[in-house]
C-alpha atoms as a PDB file:
ATOM      1  CA  UNK A   1      -0.180  21.071   8.128  1.00  0.00           C
ATOM      2  CA  UNK A   2       3.428  19.489   8.353  1.00  0.00           C
ATOM      3  CA  UNK A   3       5.789  18.674   5.465  1.00  0.00           C
ATOM      4  CA  UNK A   4       4.635  15.745   3.454  1.00  0.00           C
ATOM      5  CA  UNK A   5       1.376  15.997   4.736  1.00  0.00           C
ATOM      6  CA  UNK A   6      -1.100  15.474   1.895  1.00  0.00           C
ATOM      7  CA  UNK A   7      -4.706  16.265   2.275  1.00  0.00           C
ATOM      8  CA  UNK A   8      -6.210  14.319  -0.860  1.00  0.00           C
ATOM      9  CA  UNK A   9     -10.151  15.573  -2.299  1.00  0.00           C
ATOM     10  CA  UNK A  10      -9.095  14.646  -5.857  1.00  0.00           C
ATOM     11  CA  UNK A  11     -11.210  13.193  -8.063  1.00  0.00           C
ATOM     12  CA  UNK A  12     -10.680  10.058 -10.333  1.00  0.00           C
ATOM     13  CA  UNK A  13      -9.958   9.406 -13.731  1.00  0.00           C
ATOM     14  CA  UNK A  14     -12.405   6.745 -15.014  1.00  0.00           C
ATOM     15  CA  UNK A  15     -11.887   4.715 -18.185  1.00  0.00           C
ATOM     16  CA  UNK A  16     -15.465   3.191 -18.838  1.00  0.00           C
ATOM     17  CA  UNK A  17     -14.108   1.827 -22.432  1.00  0.00           C
ATOM     18  CA  UNK A  18     -10.844  -0.400 -20.860  1.00  0.00           C
ATOM     19  CA  UNK A  19     -12.679  -1.092 -17.816  1.00  0.00           C
ATOM     20  CA  UNK A  20     -16.977  -1.207 -17.613  1.00  0.00           C
ATOM     21  CA  UNK A  21     -16.687  -1.315 -13.760  1.00  0.00           C
ATOM     22  CA  UNK A  22     -14.933   2.005 -13.685  1.00  0.00           C
ATOM     23  CA  UNK A  23     -18.646   3.212 -14.591  1.00  0.00           C
ATOM     24  CA  UNK A  24     -19.640   3.182 -11.125  1.00  0.00           C
ATOM     25  CA  UNK A  25     -16.694   5.796 -10.457  1.00  0.00           C
ATOM     26  CA  UNK A  26     -18.450   8.527 -12.730  1.00  0.00           C
ATOM     27  CA  UNK A  27     -20.049  10.139 -10.093  1.00  0.00           C
ATOM     28  CA  UNK A  28     -16.510  10.774  -8.356  1.00  0.00           C
ATOM     29  CA  UNK A  29     -15.047  12.827 -11.078  1.00  0.00           C
ATOM     30  CA  UNK A  30     -14.651  16.363  -9.523  1.00  0.00           C
ATOM     31  CA  UNK A  31     -12.587  16.965  -6.876  1.00  0.00           C
ATOM     32  CA  UNK A  32     -13.507  18.268  -3.180  1.00  0.00           C
ATOM     33  CA  UNK A  33     -13.657  21.587  -1.431  1.00  0.00           C
ATOM     34  CA  UNK A  34     -11.829  22.277   1.879  1.00  0.00           C
ATOM     35  CA  UNK A  35     -12.703  24.982   4.255  1.00  0.00           C
ATOM     36  CA  UNK A  36     -10.019  25.158   6.841  1.00  0.00           C
ATOM     37  CA  UNK A  37     -11.128  27.265  10.003  1.00  0.00           C
ATOM     38  CA  UNK A  38      -9.669  27.534  13.309  1.00  0.00           C
ATOM     39  CA  UNK A  39      -9.601  30.512  16.248  1.00  0.00           C
ATOM     40  CA  UNK A  40      -5.835  30.743  15.778  1.00  0.00           C
ATOM     41  CA  UNK A  41      -3.945  30.695  12.154  1.00  0.00           C
ATOM     42  CA  UNK A  42      -3.694  27.699   9.804  1.00  0.00           C
ATOM     43  CA  UNK A  43      -0.368  27.130   8.775  1.00  0.00           C
ATOM     44  CA  UNK A  44       0.445  25.237   5.994  1.00  0.00           C
ATOM     45  CA  UNK A  45       4.196  24.108   5.907  1.00  0.00           C
ATOM     46  CA  UNK A  46       6.794  24.022   2.857  1.00  0.00           C
ATOM     47  CA  UNK A  47       5.848  20.734   1.052  1.00  0.00           C
ATOM     48  CA  UNK A  48       2.158  20.099   2.521  1.00  0.00           C
ATOM     49  CA  UNK A  49      -0.515  19.092  -0.117  1.00  0.00           C
ATOM     50  CA  UNK A  50      -4.291  20.249  -0.544  1.00  0.00           C
ATOM     51  CA  UNK A  51      -5.001  18.427  -3.591  1.00  0.00           C
ATOM     52  CA  UNK A  52      -8.487  19.538  -4.624  1.00  0.00           C
ATOM     53  CA  UNK A  53      -8.064  18.677  -8.688  1.00  0.00           C
ATOM     54  CA  UNK A  54     -10.483  17.468 -11.043  1.00  0.00           C
ATOM     55  CA  UNK A  55     -10.484  13.666 -12.904  1.00  0.00           C
ATOM     56  CA  UNK A  56     -11.869  13.184 -16.193  1.00  0.00           C
ATOM     57  CA  UNK A  57     -14.017  10.703 -17.927  1.00  0.00           C
ATOM     58  CA  UNK A  58     -12.746   8.749 -20.718  1.00  0.00           C
ATOM     59  CA  UNK A  59     -15.344   7.304 -22.793  1.00  0.00           C
ATOM     60  CA  UNK A  60     -16.762   7.151 -26.749  1.00  0.00           C
ATOM     61  CA  UNK A  61     -19.491   9.521 -25.250  1.00  0.00           C
ATOM     62  CA  UNK A  62     -17.458  11.886 -22.971  1.00  0.00           C
ATOM     63  CA  UNK A  63     -15.692  15.017 -23.325  1.00  0.00           C
ATOM     64  CA  UNK A  64     -12.768  15.962 -20.700  1.00  0.00           C
ATOM     65  CA  UNK A  65     -13.452  19.325 -18.771  1.00  0.00           C
ATOM     66  CA  UNK A  66     -11.351  21.619 -17.375  1.00  0.00           C
ATOM     67  CA  UNK A  67     -11.107  21.770 -13.677  1.00  0.00           C
ATOM     68  CA  UNK A  68     -12.936  24.103 -11.685  1.00  0.00           C
ATOM     69  CA  UNK A  69     -10.689  25.718  -8.839  1.00  0.00           C
ATOM     70  CA  UNK A  70     -11.140  28.645  -6.609  1.00  0.00           C
ATOM     71  CA  UNK A  71      -9.219  29.686  -4.057  1.00  0.00           C
ATOM     72  CA  UNK A  72     -10.013  32.323  -1.330  1.00  0.00           C
ATOM     73  CA  UNK A  73      -8.472  34.082   1.560  1.00  0.00           C
END
């Protein structure tokens, strides 16, 4: 990936008490997953980003959870 390129698979932050329409986004709290496969090397240049961070809900009934991150070679 080139410098400045971002592969964005972030989860979303949902504030349902302030915006009830955001409740539909609760299914997208968790970040995604990425698997890069190639018959050659996969190069991530300095300044490139792969973001699979988690979002969180903000509601009277939900507690924020820590993100689960797994990296493997």
